[in-house]
PDB file of N, CA and C in Angstrom:
ATOM      1  N   UNK A   1      84.199  47.153  92.700  1.00  0.00           N
ATOM      2  CA  UNK A   1      85.037  48.189  92.122  1.00  0.00           C
ATOM      3  C   UNK A   1      85.886  47.587  91.012  1.00  0.00           C
ATOM      4  N   UNK A   2      86.523  48.412  90.266  1.00  0.00           N
ATOM      5  CA  UNK A   2      87.358  47.943  89.177  1.00  0.00           C
ATOM      6  C   UNK A   2      86.495  47.495  88.001  1.00  0.00           C
ATOM      7  N   UNK A   3      87.068  46.648  87.153  1.00  0.00           N
ATOM      8  CA  UNK A   3      86.394  46.205  85.946  1.00  0.00           C
ATOM      9  C   UNK A   3      85.643  44.896  86.115  1.00  0.00           C
ATOM     10  N   UNK A   4      85.845  44.204  87.233  1.00  0.00           N
ATOM     11  CA  UNK A   4      85.172  42.945  87.453  1.00  0.00           C
ATOM     12  C   UNK A   4      85.925  41.749  86.899  1.00  0.00           C
ATOM     13  N   UNK A   5      87.112  41.950  86.372  1.00  0.00           N
ATOM     14  CA  UNK A   5      87.944  40.844  85.920  1.00  0.00           C
ATOM     15  C   UNK A   5      89.402  41.244  86.083  1.00  0.00           C
ATOM     16  N   UNK A   6      90.252  40.253  86.033  1.00  0.00           N
ATOM     17  CA  UNK A   6      91.685  40.515  86.232  1.00  0.00           C
ATOM     18  C   UNK A   6      92.294  41.193  85.009  1.00  0.00           C
ATOM     19  N   UNK A   7      93.126  42.176  85.287  1.00  0.00           N
ATOM     20  CA  UNK A   7      93.862  42.838  84.216  1.00  0.00           C
ATOM     21  C   UNK A   7      95.325  42.872  84.620  1.00  0.00           C
ATOM     22  N   UNK A   8      96.170  43.121  83.673  1.00  0.00           N
ATOM     23  CA  UNK A   8      97.588  43.280  83.970  1.00  0.00           C
ATOM     24  C   UNK A   8      97.840  44.753  84.215  1.00  0.00           C
ATOM     25  N   UNK A   9      98.036  45.099  85.462  1.00  0.00           N
ATOM     26  CA  UNK A   9      98.277  46.489  85.825  1.00  0.00           C
ATOM     27  C   UNK A   9      99.561  46.553  86.643  1.00  0.00           C
ATOM     28  N   UNK A  10     100.163  47.681  86.645  1.00  0.00           N
ATOM     29  CA  UNK A  10     101.390  47.876  87.397  1.00  0.00           C
ATOM     30  C   UNK A  10     101.093  47.925  88.889  1.00  0.00           C
ATOM     31  N   UNK A  11     102.003  47.421  89.688  1.00  0.00           N
ATOM     32  CA  UNK A  11     101.872  47.527  91.142  1.00  0.00           C
ATOM     33  C   UNK A  11     102.510  48.822  91.642  1.00  0.00           C
ATOM     34  N   UNK A  12     103.136  49.574  90.728  1.00  0.00           N
ATOM     35  CA  UNK A  12     103.735  50.860  91.091  1.00  0.00           C
ATOM     36  C   UNK A  12     102.696  51.952  90.908  1.00  0.00           C
ATOM     37  N   UNK A  13     102.338  52.634  91.979  1.00  0.00           N
ATOM     38  CA  UNK A  13     101.271  53.642  91.896  1.00  0.00           C
ATOM     39  C   UNK A  13     101.465  54.686  90.800  1.00  0.00           C
ATOM     40  N   UNK A  14     102.671  55.126  90.580  1.00  0.00           N
ATOM     41  CA  UNK A  14     102.917  56.160  89.584  1.00  0.00           C
ATOM     42  C   UNK A  14     102.709  55.709  88.150  1.00  0.00           C
ATOM     43  N   UNK A  15     102.609  54.394  87.942  1.00  0.00           N
ATOM     44  CA  UNK A  15     102.432  53.867  86.591  1.00  0.00           C
ATOM     45  C   UNK A  15     100.986  53.546  86.257  1.00  0.00           C
ATOM     46  N   UNK A  16     100.080  53.651  87.220  1.00  0.00           N
ATOM     47  CA  UNK A  16      98.673  53.328  86.991  1.00  0.00           C
ATOM     48  C   UNK A  16      97.927  54.624  86.674  1.00  0.00           C
ATOM     49  N   UNK A  17      97.438  54.728  85.456  1.00  0.00           N
ATOM     50  CA  UNK A  17      96.786  55.968  85.020  1.00  0.00           C
ATOM     51  C   UNK A  17      95.263  55.874  85.037  1.00  0.00           C
ATOM     52  N   UNK A  18      94.716  54.687  85.048  1.00  0.00           N
ATOM     53  CA  UNK A  18      93.264  54.495  85.039  1.00  0.00           C
ATOM     54  C   UNK A  18      92.703  54.813  86.428  1.00  0.00           C
ATOM     55  N   UNK A  19      91.786  55.762  86.510  1.00  0.00           N
ATOM     56  CA  UNK A  19      91.226  56.175  87.797  1.00  0.00           C
ATOM     57  C   UNK A  19      90.522  55.022  88.504  1.00  0.00           C
ATOM     58  N   UNK A  20      89.739  54.244  87.782  1.00  0.00           N
ATOM     59  CA  UNK A  20      89.041  53.112  88.398  1.00  0.00           C
ATOM     60  C   UNK A  20      90.038  52.100  88.968  1.00  0.00           C
ATOM     61  N   UNK A  21      91.133  51.879  88.262  1.00  0.00           N
ATOM     62  CA  UNK A  21      92.160  50.949  88.735  1.00  0.00           C
ATOM     63  C   UNK A  21      92.852  51.494  89.982  1.00  0.00           C
ATOM     64  N   UNK A  22      93.122  52.781  89.995  1.00  0.00           N
ATOM     65  CA  UNK A  22      93.761  53.403  91.162  1.00  0.00           C
ATOM     66  C   UNK A  22      92.845  53.313  92.378  1.00  0.00           C
ATOM     67  N   UNK A  23      91.551  53.592  92.184  1.00  0.00           N
ATOM     68  CA  UNK A  23      90.598  53.521  93.291  1.00  0.00           C
ATOM     69  C   UNK A  23      90.472  52.092  93.808  1.00  0.00           C
ATOM     70  N   UNK A  24      90.458  51.125  92.898  1.00  0.00           N
ATOM     71  CA  UNK A  24      90.368  49.723  93.289  1.00  0.00           C
ATOM     72  C   UNK A  24      91.612  49.308  94.077  1.00  0.00           C
ATOM     73  N   UNK A  25      92.783  49.675  93.590  1.00  0.00           N
ATOM     74  CA  UNK A  25      94.026  49.332  94.287  1.00  0.00           C
ATOM     75  C   UNK A  25      94.060  49.964  95.670  1.00  0.00           C
ATOM     76  N   UNK A  26      93.629  51.206  95.780  1.00  0.00           N
ATOM     77  CA  UNK A  26      93.593  51.883  97.079  1.00  0.00           C
ATOM     78  C   UNK A  26      92.690  51.136  98.049  1.00  0.00           C
ATOM     79  N   UNK A  27      91.490  50.797  97.593  1.00  0.00           N
ATOM     80  CA  UNK A  27      90.534  50.092  98.448  1.00  0.00           C
ATOM     81  C   UNK A  27      91.069  48.723  98.874  1.00  0.00           C
ATOM     82  N   UNK A  28      91.699  48.009  97.964  1.00  0.00           N
ATOM     83  CA  UNK A  28      92.228  46.684  98.289  1.00  0.00           C
ATOM     84  C   UNK A  28      93.379  46.764  99.288  1.00  0.00           C
ATOM     85  N   UNK A  29      94.253  47.756  99.132  1.00  0.00           N
ATOM     86  CA  UNK A  29      95.361  47.909 100.084  1.00  0.00           C
ATOM     87  C   UNK A  29      94.842  48.285 101.469  1.00  0.00           C
ATOM     88  N   UNK A  30      93.811  49.110 101.534  1.00  0.00           N
ATOM     89  CA  UNK A  30      93.222  49.462 102.828  1.00  0.00           C
ATOM     90  C   UNK A  30      92.545  48.247 103.459  1.00  0.00           C
ATOM     91  N   UNK A  31      91.848  47.449 102.654  1.00  0.00           N
ATOM     92  CA  UNK A  31      91.198  46.242 103.151  1.00  0.00           C
ATOM     93  C   UNK A  31      92.239  45.266 103.695  1.00  0.00           C
ATOM     94  N   UNK A  32      93.307  45.072 102.927  1.00  0.00           N
ATOM     95  CA  UNK A  32      94.366  44.162 103.342  1.00  0.00           C
ATOM     96  C   UNK A  32      95.037  44.638 104.629  1.00  0.00           C
ATOM     97  N   UNK A  33      95.258  45.940 104.743  1.00  0.00           N
ATOM     98  CA  UNK A  33      95.871  46.491 105.965  1.00  0.00           C
ATOM     99  C   UNK A  33      95.016  46.170 107.181  1.00  0.00           C
ATOM    100  N   UNK A  34      93.718  46.337 107.056  1.00  0.00           N
ATOM    101  CA  UNK A  34      92.824  46.030 108.165  1.00  0.00           C
ATOM    102  C   UNK A  34      92.838  44.559 108.530  1.00  0.00           C
ATOM    103  N   UNK A  35      92.834  43.693 107.524  1.00  0.00           N
ATOM    104  CA  UNK A  35      92.851  42.252 107.779  1.00  0.00           C
ATOM    105  C   UNK A  35      94.148  41.833 108.464  1.00  0.00           C
ATOM    106  N   UNK A  36      95.263  42.348 107.994  1.00  0.00           N
ATOM    107  CA  UNK A  36      96.560  41.998 108.577  1.00  0.00           C
ATOM    108  C   UNK A  36      96.617  42.433 110.037  1.00  0.00           C
ATOM    109  N   UNK A  37      96.144  43.626 110.302  1.00  0.00           N
ATOM    110  CA  UNK A  37      96.161  44.130 111.673  1.00  0.00           C
ATOM    111  C   UNK A  37      95.283  43.269 112.591  1.00  0.00           C
ATOM    112  N   UNK A  38      94.120  42.886 112.097  1.00  0.00           N
ATOM    113  CA  UNK A  38      93.227  42.027 112.900  1.00  0.00           C
ATOM    114  C   UNK A  38      93.871  40.669 113.152  1.00  0.00           C
ATOM    115  N   UNK A  39      94.473  40.082 112.124  1.00  0.00           N
ATOM    116  CA  UNK A  39      95.105  38.768 112.286  1.00  0.00           C
ATOM    117  C   UNK A  39      96.263  38.820 113.276  1.00  0.00           C
ATOM    118  N   UNK A  40      97.014  39.902 113.269  1.00  0.00           N
ATOM    119  CA  UNK A  40      98.152  40.033 114.175  1.00  0.00           C
ATOM    120  C   UNK A  40      97.738  40.104 115.635  1.00  0.00           C
ATOM    121  N   UNK A  41      96.504  40.468 115.893  1.00  0.00           N
ATOM    122  CA  UNK A  41      96.031  40.575 117.260  1.00  0.00           C
ATOM    123  C   UNK A  41      95.323  39.326 117.765  1.00  0.00           C
ATOM    124  N   UNK A  42      95.220  38.321 116.924  1.00  0.00           N
ATOM    125  CA  UNK A  42      94.506  37.101 117.311  1.00  0.00           C
ATOM    126  C   UNK A  42      95.417  36.170 118.098  1.00  0.00           C
ATOM    127  N   UNK A  43      94.872  35.498 119.090  1.00  0.00           N
ATOM    128  CA  UNK A  43      95.668  34.515 119.835  1.00  0.00           C
ATOM    129  C   UNK A  43      96.172  33.417 118.900  1.00  0.00           C
ATOM    130  N   UNK A  44      97.420  33.057 119.044  1.00  0.00           N
ATOM    131  CA  UNK A  44      98.012  32.004 118.225  1.00  0.00           C
ATOM    132  C   UNK A  44      98.428  32.444 116.837  1.00  0.00           C
ATOM    133  N   UNK A  45      98.381  33.754 116.561  1.00  0.00           N
ATOM    134  CA  UNK A  45      98.758  34.258 115.226  1.00  0.00           C
ATOM    135  C   UNK A  45     100.224  33.953 114.949  1.00  0.00           C
ATOM    136  N   UNK A  46     100.539  33.679 113.705  1.00  0.00           N
ATOM    137  CA  UNK A  46     101.918  33.387 113.322  1.00  0.00           C
ATOM    138  C   UNK A  46     102.716  34.660 113.054  1.00  0.00           C
ATOM    139  N   UNK A  47     102.076  35.798 113.194  1.00  0.00           N
ATOM    140  CA  UNK A  47     102.729  37.087 113.012  1.00  0.00           C
ATOM    141  C   UNK A  47     102.526  37.899 114.290  1.00  0.00           C
ATOM    142  N   UNK A  48     103.564  38.560 114.740  1.00  0.00           N
ATOM    143  CA  UNK A  48     103.437  39.351 115.975  1.00  0.00           C
ATOM    144  C   UNK A  48     102.586  40.587 115.716  1.00  0.00           C
ATOM    145  N   UNK A  49     102.030  41.129 116.769  1.00  0.00           N
ATOM    146  CA  UNK A  49     101.228  42.343 116.643  1.00  0.00           C
ATOM    147  C   UNK A  49     102.038  43.488 116.068  1.00  0.00           C
ATOM    148  N   UNK A  50     103.309  43.600 116.516  1.00  0.00           N
ATOM    149  CA  UNK A  50     104.171  44.680 116.021  1.00  0.00           C
ATOM    150  C   UNK A  50     104.444  44.528 114.529  1.00  0.00           C
ATOM    151  N   UNK A  51     104.718  43.303 114.091  1.00  0.00           N
ATOM    152  CA  UNK A  51     104.989  43.065 112.665  1.00  0.00           C
ATOM    153  C   UNK A  51     103.719  43.295 111.844  1.00  0.00           C
ATOM    154  N   UNK A  52     102.576  42.881 112.375  1.00  0.00           N
ATOM    155  CA  UNK A  52     101.312  43.093 111.673  1.00  0.00           C
ATOM    156  C   UNK A  52     101.055  44.585 111.487  1.00  0.00           C
ATOM    157  N   UNK A  53     101.306  45.384 112.519  1.00  0.00           N
ATOM    158  CA  UNK A  53     101.113  46.835 112.398  1.00  0.00           C
ATOM    159  C   UNK A  53     102.066  47.421 111.356  1.00  0.00           C
ATOM    160  N   UNK A  54     103.297  46.919 111.324  1.00  0.00           N
ATOM    161  CA  UNK A  54     104.284  47.410 110.358  1.00  0.00           C
ATOM    162  C   UNK A  54     103.833  47.099 108.917  1.00  0.00           C
ATOM    163  N   UNK A  55     103.389  45.879 108.685  1.00  0.00           N
ATOM    164  CA  UNK A  55     102.942  45.485 107.345  1.00  0.00           C
ATOM    165  C   UNK A  55     101.665  46.242 106.973  1.00  0.00           C
ATOM    166  N   UNK A  56     100.759  46.397 107.935  1.00  0.00           N
ATOM    167  CA  UNK A  56      99.525  47.145 107.680  1.00  0.00           C
ATOM    168  C   UNK A  56      99.849  48.589 107.302  1.00  0.00           C
ATOM    169  N   UNK A  57     100.802  49.197 107.984  1.00  0.00           N
ATOM    170  CA  UNK A  57     101.184  50.573 107.658  1.00  0.00           C
ATOM    171  C   UNK A  57     101.753  50.672 106.248  1.00  0.00           C
ATOM    172  N   UNK A  58     102.522  49.664 105.844  1.00  0.00           N
ATOM    173  CA  UNK A  58     103.056  49.625 104.481  1.00  0.00           C
ATOM    174  C   UNK A  58     101.907  49.649 103.465  1.00  0.00           C
ATOM    175  N   UNK A  59     100.867  48.857 103.713  1.00  0.00           N
ATOM    176  CA  UNK A  59      99.731  48.817 102.779  1.00  0.00           C
ATOM    177  C   UNK A  59      98.925  50.113 102.828  1.00  0.00           C
ATOM    178  N   UNK A  60      98.840  50.740 103.983  1.00  0.00           N
ATOM    179  CA  UNK A  60      98.163  52.051 104.052  1.00  0.00           C
ATOM    180  C   UNK A  60      98.951  53.105 103.279  1.00  0.00           C
ATOM    181  N   UNK A  61     100.279  53.028 103.356  1.00  0.00           N
ATOM    182  CA  UNK A  61     101.116  53.949 102.584  1.00  0.00           C
ATOM    183  C   UNK A  61     100.907  53.741 101.086  1.00  0.00           C
ATOM    184  N   UNK A  62     100.842  52.468 100.668  1.00  0.00           N
ATOM    185  CA  UNK A  62     100.576  52.184  99.255  1.00  0.00           C
ATOM    186  C   UNK A  62      99.210  52.716  98.845  1.00  0.00           C
ATOM    187  N   UNK A  63      98.215  52.534  99.693  1.00  0.00           N
ATOM    188  CA  UNK A  63      96.869  53.044  99.397  1.00  0.00           C
ATOM    189  C   UNK A  63      96.906  54.553  99.211  1.00  0.00           C
ATOM    190  N   UNK A  64      97.635  55.238 100.087  1.00  0.00           N
ATOM    191  CA  UNK A  64      97.752  56.696  99.981  1.00  0.00           C
ATOM    192  C   UNK A  64      98.408  57.081  98.662  1.00  0.00           C
ATOM    193  N   UNK A  65      99.432  56.339  98.259  1.00  0.00           N
ATOM    194  CA  UNK A  65     100.127  56.661  97.010  1.00  0.00           C
ATOM    195  C   UNK A  65      99.239  56.418  95.789  1.00  0.00           C
ATOM    196  N   UNK A  66      98.366  55.418  95.854  1.00  0.00           N
ATOM    197  CA  UNK A  66      97.431  55.196  94.748  1.00  0.00           C
ATOM    198  C   UNK A  66      96.389  56.303  94.685  1.00  0.00           C
ATOM    199  N   UNK A  67      96.068  56.936  95.817  1.00  0.00           N
ATOM    200  CA  UNK A  67      95.034  57.968  95.805  1.00  0.00           C
ATOM    201  C   UNK A  67      95.566  59.348  95.452  1.00  0.00           C
ATOM    202  N   UNK A  68      96.872  59.534  95.438  1.00  0.00           N
ATOM    203  CA  UNK A  68      97.468  60.851  95.224  1.00  0.00           C
ATOM    204  C   UNK A  68      97.532  61.279  93.771  1.00  0.00           C
ATOM    205  N   UNK A  69      97.350  60.387  92.870  1.00  0.00           N
ATOM    206  CA  UNK A  69      97.511  60.741  91.458  1.00  0.00           C
ATOM    207  C   UNK A  69      98.971  60.694  91.075  1.00  0.00           C
ATOM    208  N   UNK A  70      99.234  60.971  89.847  1.00  0.00           N
ATOM    209  CA  UNK A  70     100.618  60.875  89.356  1.00  0.00           C
ATOM    210  C   UNK A  70     101.426  62.057  89.832  1.00  0.00           C
ATOM    211  N   UNK A  71     102.543  61.763  90.426  1.00  0.00           N
ATOM    212  CA  UNK A  71     103.442  62.806  90.911  1.00  0.00           C
ATOM    213  C   UNK A  71     104.706  62.815  90.106  1.00  0.00           C
ATOM    214  N   UNK A  72     105.701  63.513  90.588  1.00  0.00           N
ATOM    215  CA  UNK A  72     106.950  63.614  89.858  1.00  0.00           C
ATOM    216  C   UNK A  72     107.895  62.469  90.174  1.00  0.00           C
ATOM    217  N   UNK A  73     107.655  61.752  91.272  1.00  0.00           N
ATOM    218  CA  UNK A  73     108.533  60.652  91.653  1.00  0.00           C
ATOM    219  C   UNK A  73     108.195  59.391  90.891  1.00  0.00           C
ATOM    220  N   UNK A  74     109.076  58.375  90.984  1.00  0.00           N
ATOM    221  CA  UNK A  74     108.866  57.143  90.249  1.00  0.00           C
ATOM    222  C   UNK A  74     107.649  56.365  90.734  1.00  0.00           C
ATOM    223  N   UNK A  75     107.180  56.621  91.949  1.00  0.00           N
ATOM    224  CA  UNK A  75     106.031  55.897  92.486  1.00  0.00           C
ATOM    225  C   UNK A  75     104.822  56.802  92.641  1.00  0.00           C
ATOM    226  N   UNK A  76     104.807  57.952  92.008  1.00  0.00           N
ATOM    227  CA  UNK A  76     103.653  58.823  92.049  1.00  0.00           C
ATOM    228  C   UNK A  76     103.569  59.710  93.248  1.00  0.00           C
ATOM    229  N   UNK A  77     104.666  59.888  93.973  1.00  0.00           N
ATOM    230  CA  UNK A  77     104.673  60.776  95.137  1.00  0.00           C
ATOM    231  C   UNK A  77     105.596  61.931  94.923  1.00  0.00           C
TER     232      UNK A  77
END
């Protein structure tokens, strides 16, 4: 997904206007949320399961904001 190379894009969902970039950011945040949640459940993890779920939810929220399109708020919501 995306352009296949690094670009300078905003991390604020409301500032990203390129559809391909928004879709890529959404997919990456969802992927990261899943990885964090899995790591938090592993024996010997340096992050608690509760903290992993909290961080994963934050990334799922960001993914949702990237998929919503530009809104009236500063972050596209």
